[in-house]
Protein backbone atom coordinates (compact mmCIF):
# COMPACT_ATOMS: atom_id res chain seq x y z
CA MET A 1 -14.76 14.19 10.07
CA GLU A 2 -17.44 12.62 7.91
CA VAL A 3 -18.18 8.89 8.38
CA ASP A 4 -20.65 7.10 6.15
CA MET A 5 -22.51 4.47 8.20
CA SER A 6 -25.16 3.72 5.54
CA THR A 7 -23.21 0.76 4.09
CA ASP A 8 -22.34 -2.38 5.90
CA PRO A 9 -18.63 -2.75 5.17
CA VAL A 10 -18.53 -6.49 6.00
CA ALA A 11 -21.30 -7.14 3.52
CA GLY A 12 -19.71 -4.98 0.96
CA LEU A 13 -16.25 -6.43 1.15
CA SER A 14 -17.56 -10.02 1.39
CA SER A 15 -19.36 -9.53 -1.92
CA LEU A 16 -15.98 -9.31 -3.61
CA ASP A 17 -15.01 -12.87 -2.45
CA ASP A 18 -16.89 -14.29 -5.42
CA PRO A 19 -14.48 -14.59 -8.32
CA VAL A 20 -17.09 -13.41 -10.95
CA ARG A 21 -17.84 -10.30 -8.95
CA ARG A 22 -14.21 -9.67 -8.46
CA ARG A 23 -13.66 -9.75 -12.23
CA LEU A 24 -16.63 -7.39 -12.74
CA TYR A 25 -15.27 -5.00 -10.06
CA GLU A 26 -11.77 -4.93 -11.48
CA TYR A 27 -13.13 -4.16 -14.98
CA VAL A 28 -15.56 -1.45 -13.78
CA ALA A 29 -12.85 0.13 -11.60
CA SER A 30 -10.46 0.32 -14.51
CA ARG A 31 -12.83 2.31 -16.76
CA ASP A 32 -13.13 6.11 -16.91
CA GLU A 33 -16.72 5.99 -18.11
CA PRO A 34 -19.77 4.26 -16.71
CA VAL A 35 -19.86 0.63 -17.87
CA SER A 36 -22.83 -1.08 -19.52
CA ARG A 37 -24.03 -4.58 -18.61
CA GLU A 38 -22.96 -5.81 -22.09
CA ASP A 39 -19.37 -4.56 -21.82
CA ALA A 40 -19.04 -5.82 -18.27
CA ALA A 41 -20.32 -9.28 -19.32
CA ALA A 42 -17.90 -9.49 -22.23
CA ALA A 43 -14.92 -8.46 -20.05
CA ALA A 44 -15.77 -11.02 -17.36
CA GLY A 45 -16.50 -13.80 -19.84
CA ILE A 46 -20.08 -14.40 -18.74
CA GLY A 47 -23.63 -13.85 -20.09
CA ARG A 48 -25.39 -10.53 -19.86
CA THR A 49 -28.09 -11.84 -17.51
CA LEU A 50 -25.59 -13.23 -15.02
CA ALA A 51 -23.58 -10.02 -15.30
CA ALA A 52 -26.63 -7.94 -14.55
CA TYR A 53 -27.37 -9.97 -11.47
CA HIS A 54 -23.86 -9.62 -10.01
CA LEU A 55 -23.54 -5.97 -11.00
CA ASP A 56 -26.78 -5.12 -9.16
CA LYS A 57 -25.64 -7.12 -6.10
CA LEU A 58 -22.38 -5.10 -6.08
CA ALA A 59 -24.45 -1.86 -6.34
CA ASP A 60 -26.68 -2.99 -3.46
CA ALA A 61 -23.53 -3.61 -1.37
CA GLY A 62 -22.32 -0.05 -1.98
CA ILE A 63 -19.46 -1.07 -4.25
CA PHE A 64 -20.90 0.46 -7.47
CA SER A 65 -22.98 3.55 -8.25
CA VAL A 66 -25.73 3.22 -10.80
CA SER A 67 -26.63 5.73 -13.52
CA TYR A 68 -28.81 5.48 -16.64
CA ALA A 69 -27.99 6.30 -20.30
CA ARG A 70 -28.93 5.28 -23.83
CA ASP A 71 -26.38 3.85 -26.16
CA ASP A 72 -24.68 6.30 -28.55
CA GLY A 73 -26.87 7.04 -31.56
CA ARG A 74 -30.09 5.89 -29.95
CA GLY A 75 -32.66 8.33 -29.02
CA GLY A 76 -36.24 9.62 -29.71
CA PRO A 77 -39.41 7.55 -30.01
CA GLY A 78 -38.78 3.83 -29.96
CA ALA A 79 -35.36 4.09 -28.48
CA GLY A 80 -36.51 2.29 -25.34
CA ARG A 81 -35.59 2.92 -21.75
CA PRO A 82 -32.10 4.12 -20.82
CA ALA A 83 -29.93 1.25 -19.73
CA LYS A 84 -28.06 0.86 -16.44
CA ARG A 85 -24.50 1.95 -16.31
CA TYR A 86 -22.07 1.23 -13.36
CA THR A 87 -19.16 3.09 -11.86
CA ARG A 88 -17.11 2.40 -8.76
CA THR A 89 -18.24 4.50 -5.83
CA GLN A 90 -15.83 6.72 -3.95
CA ASP A 91 -17.20 5.55 -0.59
CA GLU A 92 -14.70 3.66 1.48
CA LEU A 93 -15.32 0.24 2.98
CA THR A 94 -13.00 -0.86 5.74
CA VAL A 95 -13.21 -3.49 8.41
CA SER A 96 -10.97 -3.81 11.48
CA VAL A 97 -11.10 -6.44 14.19
CA PRO A 98 -10.73 -5.18 16.89
CA PRO A 99 -12.06 -1.71 15.89
CA ARG A 100 -9.54 0.92 14.87
CA ASN A 101 -10.11 4.49 13.81
CA TYR A 102 -7.12 5.62 11.80
CA ALA A 103 -9.42 8.01 9.82
CA LEU A 104 -10.20 9.98 13.02
CA LEU A 105 -6.46 10.15 13.81
CA GLY A 106 -5.59 11.31 10.36
CA GLY A 107 -8.29 13.99 10.50
CA LEU A 108 -7.01 15.29 13.84
CA LEU A 109 -3.44 15.52 12.56
CA ALA A 110 -4.59 17.26 9.39
CA ASP A 111 -6.56 19.80 11.45
CA ALA A 112 -3.41 20.38 13.51
CA VAL A 113 -1.28 21.05 10.44
CA ALA A 114 -3.87 23.32 8.93
CA ALA A 115 -4.09 25.31 12.15
CA ASP A 116 -0.30 26.15 12.18
CA GLU A 117 -0.13 29.59 10.66
CA THR A 118 3.70 29.62 10.66
CA GLY A 119 3.99 26.96 7.94
CA ALA A 120 6.67 25.13 9.96
CA VAL A 121 4.47 21.99 10.58
CA ARG A 122 3.48 21.95 6.92
CA ALA A 123 7.12 22.08 5.85
CA THR A 124 7.92 19.23 8.19
CA VAL A 125 5.06 17.11 6.80
CA ASP A 126 6.15 17.78 3.25
CA ALA A 127 9.68 16.67 4.02
CA ALA A 128 8.42 13.57 5.73
CA ALA A 129 6.35 12.75 2.67
CA ARG A 130 9.30 13.23 0.42
CA ARG A 131 11.38 10.84 2.60
CA ALA A 132 8.63 8.31 2.71
CA GLY A 133 8.30 8.40 -1.14
CA ARG A 134 12.01 7.65 -1.49
CA ALA A 135 11.74 4.74 0.86
CA ALA A 136 8.67 3.38 -0.96
CA ALA A 137 10.43 3.30 -4.26
CA SER A 138 13.84 2.02 -3.07
CA GLY A 139 14.98 -0.81 -5.21
CA ARG A 140 11.96 -0.79 -7.55
CA ASP A 141 10.17 1.21 -10.26
CA VAL A 142 7.84 4.14 -9.77
CA THR A 143 4.80 2.39 -11.14
CA SER A 144 5.03 -0.48 -8.75
CA ALA A 145 5.60 1.88 -5.85
CA LEU A 146 2.51 3.97 -6.82
CA ARG A 147 0.44 0.80 -7.21
CA ASP A 148 1.40 -0.55 -3.74
CA CYS A 149 0.53 2.81 -2.18
CA GLY A 150 -3.01 2.65 -3.67
CA TYR A 151 -2.74 5.19 -6.45
CA GLU A 152 -3.81 2.80 -9.28
CA PRO A 153 -1.38 4.17 -11.88
CA VAL A 154 -2.17 3.97 -15.55
CA GLU A 155 0.62 4.75 -18.04
CA ASP A 156 -0.10 5.83 -21.62
CA ALA A 157 1.96 5.23 -24.74
CA ASP A 158 3.93 8.48 -24.12
CA GLY A 159 4.90 7.53 -20.59
CA ARG A 160 2.46 9.90 -18.81
CA ILE A 161 1.15 8.29 -15.67
CA GLU A 162 -2.33 9.05 -14.53
CA LEU A 163 -3.41 8.10 -10.97
CA ARG A 164 -6.93 6.74 -10.95
CA ASN A 165 -7.24 6.79 -7.15
CA CYS A 166 -6.36 9.04 -4.25
CA PRO A 167 -5.46 6.86 -1.14
CA PHE A 168 -6.37 9.82 1.07
CA HIS A 169 -9.71 10.74 -0.54
CA GLN A 170 -11.67 11.25 2.66
CA LEU A 171 -9.08 13.63 4.02
CA SER A 172 -8.71 15.46 0.79
CA ARG A 173 -12.39 16.49 0.88
CA ARG A 174 -11.74 18.46 4.01
CA HIS A 175 -8.10 19.43 3.57
CA THR A 176 -7.68 19.54 -0.25
CA GLU A 177 -4.62 21.78 -0.38
CA LEU A 178 -2.79 19.89 2.36
CA VAL A 179 -3.51 16.45 1.01
CA CYS A 180 -2.63 17.42 -2.60
CA GLY A 181 0.64 18.85 -1.49
CA LEU A 182 1.36 15.68 0.51
CA ASN A 183 0.58 13.58 -2.55
CA LEU A 184 2.91 15.72 -4.69
CA GLU A 185 5.83 15.47 -2.26
CA LEU A 186 5.32 11.72 -1.71
CA ILE A 187 5.33 11.04 -5.42
CA ARG A 188 8.26 13.35 -6.10
CA GLY A 189 10.11 11.37 -3.40
CA MET A 190 9.38 8.16 -5.34
CA LEU A 191 10.83 9.69 -8.49
CA ASP A 192 13.79 10.91 -6.60
CA GLY A 193 14.26 7.52 -5.10
CA VAL A 194 14.69 5.86 -8.49
CA GLY A 195 16.90 8.62 -9.93
CA GLU A 196 14.33 10.29 -11.98
CA ALA A 197 13.41 13.94 -12.09
CA PRO A 198 11.04 14.77 -9.15
CA GLN A 199 9.48 17.68 -11.20
CA ARG A 200 7.86 15.15 -13.51
CA ALA A 201 5.17 15.05 -10.81
CA VAL A 202 2.80 17.99 -11.19
CA LEU A 203 -0.58 19.06 -9.75
CA VAL A 204 -3.43 18.60 -12.18
CA PRO A 205 -6.53 18.58 -9.96
CA ARG A 206 -9.53 16.62 -11.38
CA SER A 207 -12.64 15.08 -9.89
CA GLY A 208 -12.53 11.40 -9.02
CA ARG A 209 -8.74 11.01 -9.39
CA CYS A 210 -5.54 11.92 -7.60
CA CYS A 211 -4.57 15.48 -8.10
CA VAL A 212 -1.04 14.45 -9.23
CA VAL A 213 0.06 13.41 -12.80
CA VAL A 214 3.52 12.08 -13.57
CA GLN A 215 4.64 13.70 -16.85
CA PRO A 216 6.66 11.69 -19.40
CA LYS A 217 10.40 11.64 -19.22
CA ALA A 218 12.12 14.36 -21.20
CA GLY A 219 12.36 13.32 -24.91
CA SER A 220 10.06 10.27 -24.46
CA GLN A 221 6.97 11.65 -26.11
CA ARG A 222 6.09 10.21 -29.49
CA GLY A 223 5.26 12.35 -32.40
């Protein structure tokens, strides 16, 4: 089980207590592409210089990753240096007082499921995930249930729901097939719990996102 000790989680999380940094974080986290200082400043309603200061502080705290790129259409001699771009890091920051280690427990359980060659334990886990999904969506809509479970759903105009975050990212790096299957059953359970077709949830593996996509309802796509 991989544990990243290079970032101080208390310092990282406390950096989000500032309302300006929180707005910057929420904007950067909502974007698919790396964000420039200018765009982040405009979204947060602050000046570029102040935005640059806070963005760099969030990067120092391990919240953001930094890359460099020139603006579209700018290149060659005289184009200047590439500008900083910011994306949310995939590293997890958690704090527990007193200390708890649920990641270790989850890893041990995942190892046990993967070691069962009969498939019986895996089937039991999938069934439990489906039941948990039904319970999570009881009396509410699927998007709210997905959001509360940490999937960060984004619905497009056609009703297709993309999931910007995998709540089990660390486990998925070691047990990809198991975790993706668990995600699929959990989300199909949510759909079933609100009376919608569970098969709308399908596996579409992509880097940096949950492996599941919820397809539009039948007949809801716009021409």
